[in-house]
Amino acid sequence: MSKLAIAKEFWSFLVQRKKWWLAPIVVLLVLLGVLIVLTEGSALAPFIYTIF
């Protein structure tokens, strides 16, 4: 199962079940994950990890 298929299935779940409040939570988690991955090897890493 590809990542695109998972995103498509999640979108159809949101539409069918009308669980729109889940979308901002998932977007925030994805953005935080991307932020942590991108700053992992940089000098910004200690400042990012202090947020948590």
Protein backbone atom coordinates (compact mmCIF):
# COMPACT_ATOMS: atom_id res chain seq x y z
CA MET A 1 0.00 0.00 0.00
CA SER A 2 1.54 3.28 -1.07
CA LYS A 3 1.65 6.44 0.98
CA LEU A 4 -0.63 8.14 -1.51
CA ALA A 5 -3.21 5.39 -1.11
CA ILE A 6 -3.15 5.85 2.67
CA ALA A 7 -3.72 9.59 2.28
CA LYS A 8 -6.56 8.97 -0.17
CA GLU A 9 -8.19 6.47 2.17
CA PHE A 10 -7.87 8.88 5.10
CA TRP A 11 -9.46 11.66 3.02
CA SER A 12 -12.39 9.44 2.08
CA PHE A 13 -12.80 8.51 5.76
CA LEU A 14 -12.98 12.21 6.68
CA VAL A 15 -15.56 12.89 3.97
CA GLN A 16 -17.79 9.90 4.69
CA ARG A 17 -17.74 10.10 8.49
CA LYS A 18 -17.61 13.92 8.62
CA LYS A 19 -14.68 13.90 11.04
CA TRP A 20 -13.28 17.25 9.91
CA TRP A 21 -11.83 17.99 13.36
CA LEU A 22 -9.21 15.27 12.74
CA ALA A 23 -7.67 17.05 9.76
CA PRO A 24 -5.91 19.88 11.69
CA ILE A 25 -4.53 17.39 14.20
CA VAL A 26 -3.04 15.20 11.48
CA VAL A 27 -1.63 18.20 9.60
CA LEU A 28 0.00 19.50 12.78
CA LEU A 29 1.55 16.11 13.56
CA VAL A 30 2.91 15.79 10.03
CA LEU A 31 4.39 19.29 10.14
CA LEU A 32 6.05 18.66 13.50
CA GLY A 33 7.46 15.38 12.20
CA VAL A 34 8.88 17.10 9.12
CA LEU A 35 10.35 19.86 11.28
CA ILE A 36 12.10 17.35 13.53
CA VAL A 37 13.46 15.35 10.60
CA LEU A 38 14.76 18.43 8.78
CA THR A 39 16.48 19.95 11.83
CA GLU A 40 17.90 16.68 13.11
CA GLY A 41 21.48 17.32 12.02
CA SER A 42 21.57 21.08 12.26
CA ALA A 43 22.44 23.59 14.95
CA LEU A 44 18.73 24.29 15.44
CA ALA A 45 18.04 20.84 16.89
CA PRO A 46 18.58 21.80 20.57
CA PHE A 47 16.16 24.70 20.23
CA ILE A 48 13.49 22.58 18.54
CA TYR A 49 13.71 19.82 21.16
CA THR A 50 13.27 22.30 24.02
CA ILE A 51 9.77 23.01 22.73
CA PHE A 52 8.77 19.48 23.68
